[in-house]
Amino acid sequence: MTIGDVQRAYLAIFAAREAGLNASADQMKAIAMCIRNRVRQGWENGDWIRVMERSCDTRANLGRPLAEIDVSDRDFQIMARDVDEIYFSRRDWQKEPSRQSMPDLDEAIGNAVFWGFIDYPFTTWFTEKVIKDQKNHPQKSGMGVMLFYE
């Protein structure tokens, strides 16, 4: 097992937990793409594990429970299957998305690094630093009750 294997496994679990109960595979993937974007932008010196561990510092919502992992959940299985495509994505260096099965999702997320859920209260930090700063953090897309910001 390599450190890359550990990072990819952690990314799949992290994204599934953050997406919450009854999340779709696309919602999980979108969060994983935001983590990928943070790593690519040099957050925590590009350390995948530290980026995920420190994500609570930039969490958008108050009191939102994390999901428990259910390995028999089909959406989690899809997330785990596709995590390599997100982790190894060349989207930052190419105009075309890295995989034909995810071009719409990859394009929708773009360079977003923040995500939040409109059905839970936003933290004061998130409201002030992200939502109210549309010049530096424009809203990129939405997916159900989820919003994504650059």
Protein backbone atom coordinates (compact mmCIF):
# COMPACT_ATOMS: atom_id res chain seq x y z
CA MET A 1 0.00 0.00 0.00
CA THR A 2 1.31 3.43 -0.92
CA ILE A 3 0.55 6.84 0.57
CA GLY A 4 -1.44 7.56 -2.60
CA ASP A 5 -3.64 4.54 -1.85
CA VAL A 6 -4.26 5.90 1.65
CA GLN A 7 -5.03 9.38 0.33
CA ARG A 8 -7.52 8.07 -2.23
CA ALA A 9 -9.28 5.85 0.32
CA TYR A 10 -9.47 8.74 2.77
CA LEU A 11 -10.79 11.04 0.04
CA ALA A 12 -13.65 8.63 -0.76
CA ILE A 13 -14.56 8.24 2.92
CA PHE A 14 -14.20 11.96 3.64
CA ALA A 15 -16.41 12.98 0.71
CA ALA A 16 -19.09 10.45 1.61
CA ARG A 17 -19.18 11.55 5.25
CA GLU A 18 -19.27 15.25 4.33
CA ALA A 19 -22.02 14.76 1.75
CA GLY A 20 -24.28 13.35 4.45
CA LEU A 21 -27.03 10.78 4.69
CA ASN A 22 -28.73 9.81 1.45
CA ALA A 23 -26.21 11.74 -0.64
CA SER A 24 -25.85 10.89 -4.28
CA ALA A 25 -22.59 9.69 -5.75
CA ASP A 26 -22.35 13.00 -7.64
CA GLN A 27 -22.64 14.98 -4.41
CA MET A 28 -19.82 12.91 -2.91
CA LYS A 29 -17.72 13.35 -6.05
CA ALA A 30 -18.32 17.11 -6.05
CA ILE A 31 -16.93 17.41 -2.52
CA ALA A 32 -13.94 15.28 -3.51
CA MET A 33 -13.36 17.64 -6.45
CA CYS A 34 -13.37 20.62 -4.08
CA ILE A 35 -10.73 18.88 -1.96
CA ARG A 36 -8.72 18.17 -5.12
CA ASN A 37 -8.96 21.85 -6.03
CA ARG A 38 -7.70 22.88 -2.59
CA VAL A 39 -4.74 20.54 -2.95
CA ARG A 40 -3.99 21.87 -6.44
CA GLN A 41 -4.17 25.44 -5.14
CA GLY A 42 -1.60 24.64 -2.47
CA TRP A 43 -3.76 24.58 0.64
CA GLU A 44 -1.82 22.92 3.48
CA ASN A 45 1.20 22.73 1.13
CA GLY A 46 -0.71 20.37 -1.16
CA ASP A 47 -1.00 17.64 1.48
CA TRP A 48 -4.22 15.70 0.79
CA ILE A 49 -4.61 14.38 4.34
CA ARG A 50 -3.98 17.75 6.00
CA VAL A 51 -6.42 19.45 3.64
CA MET A 52 -9.12 17.02 4.70
CA GLU A 53 -8.17 17.11 8.38
CA ARG A 54 -8.24 20.92 8.42
CA SER A 55 -11.48 21.22 6.45
CA CYS A 56 -13.39 21.88 9.68
CA ASP A 57 -11.70 25.32 9.72
CA THR A 58 -13.62 26.28 6.58
CA ARG A 59 -16.82 24.31 7.15
CA ALA A 60 -19.87 26.14 5.86
CA ASN A 61 -22.59 24.77 8.10
CA LEU A 62 -23.41 24.61 11.78
CA GLY A 63 -24.68 21.40 13.33
CA ARG A 64 -24.77 19.32 10.19
CA PRO A 65 -24.09 15.68 11.09
CA LEU A 66 -21.58 13.67 9.10
CA ALA A 67 -22.80 10.45 7.54
CA GLU A 68 -21.72 7.04 8.71
CA ILE A 69 -20.05 4.99 6.01
CA ASP A 70 -22.07 2.09 4.64
CA VAL A 71 -19.92 0.06 2.25
CA SER A 72 -23.03 -1.64 0.87
CA ASP A 73 -24.48 1.73 -0.24
CA ARG A 74 -24.43 1.85 -4.05
CA ASP A 75 -23.64 5.58 -4.14
CA PHE A 76 -20.63 5.09 -1.86
CA GLN A 77 -19.47 2.20 -4.06
CA ILE A 78 -19.67 4.47 -7.12
CA MET A 79 -17.71 7.17 -5.28
CA ALA A 80 -15.04 4.67 -4.28
CA ARG A 81 -14.85 3.35 -7.86
CA ASP A 82 -14.41 6.84 -9.33
CA VAL A 83 -12.08 8.35 -6.74
CA ASP A 84 -9.00 7.67 -8.90
CA GLU A 85 -10.46 9.80 -11.70
CA ILE A 86 -10.81 12.71 -9.29
CA TYR A 87 -7.47 12.21 -7.54
CA PHE A 88 -5.50 11.88 -10.78
CA SER A 89 -7.59 14.39 -12.78
CA ARG A 90 -5.74 16.45 -15.35
CA ARG A 91 -8.59 18.98 -15.57
CA ASP A 92 -6.31 21.76 -14.36
CA TRP A 93 -3.99 21.29 -17.34
CA GLN A 94 -6.48 20.50 -20.08
CA LYS A 95 -9.55 22.19 -21.43
CA GLU A 96 -11.35 18.84 -21.64
CA PRO A 97 -12.43 17.07 -18.44
CA SER A 98 -10.41 14.03 -17.48
CA ARG A 99 -13.11 11.41 -17.95
CA GLN A 100 -15.99 11.12 -20.34
CA SER A 101 -18.37 9.88 -17.63
CA MET A 102 -17.89 12.97 -15.44
CA PRO A 103 -17.45 15.95 -17.81
CA ASP A 104 -20.60 17.76 -16.72
CA LEU A 105 -19.83 17.38 -13.02
CA ASP A 106 -16.18 18.36 -13.44
CA GLU A 107 -17.18 21.43 -15.45
CA ALA A 108 -19.92 22.37 -12.97
CA ILE A 109 -17.51 22.25 -10.03
CA GLY A 110 -14.67 23.91 -11.94
CA ASN A 111 -12.25 25.49 -9.45
CA ALA A 112 -14.68 25.51 -6.50
CA VAL A 113 -13.05 24.94 -3.11
CA PHE A 114 -16.01 25.53 -0.78
CA TRP A 115 -19.31 23.70 -0.41
CA GLY A 116 -22.30 24.31 1.80
CA PHE A 117 -25.82 23.06 2.38
CA ILE A 118 -28.70 25.51 2.29
CA ASP A 119 -30.84 23.39 4.63
CA TYR A 120 -28.48 24.06 7.59
CA PRO A 121 -27.38 27.40 9.06
CA PHE A 122 -24.14 28.84 7.71
CA THR A 123 -21.27 29.67 10.03
CA THR A 124 -20.50 33.35 10.57
CA TRP A 125 -17.05 32.80 9.08
CA PHE A 126 -18.49 31.26 5.90
CA THR A 127 -21.11 33.97 5.50
CA GLU A 128 -18.58 36.79 5.91
CA LYS A 129 -15.57 35.32 4.08
CA VAL A 130 -17.23 33.38 1.26
CA ILE A 131 -20.89 34.20 0.64
CA LYS A 132 -20.51 37.97 1.03
CA ASP A 133 -17.24 38.07 -0.93
CA GLN A 134 -18.60 37.28 -4.39
CA LYS A 135 -15.66 39.04 -6.03
CA ASN A 136 -13.14 36.52 -4.65
CA HIS A 137 -15.50 33.59 -4.06
CA PRO A 138 -18.23 33.54 -6.69
CA GLN A 139 -20.85 30.84 -6.48
CA LYS A 140 -19.89 28.28 -9.09
CA SER A 141 -22.85 25.89 -9.08
CA GLY A 142 -25.56 24.18 -7.12
CA MET A 143 -26.66 20.59 -6.73
CA GLY A 144 -29.88 19.97 -4.83
CA VAL A 145 -29.37 21.61 -1.41
CA MET A 146 -25.61 22.00 -2.03
CA LEU A 147 -23.87 25.16 -3.22
CA PHE A 148 -20.27 25.40 -4.47
CA TYR A 149 -18.03 28.47 -4.36
CA GLU A 150 -14.62 29.28 -5.82
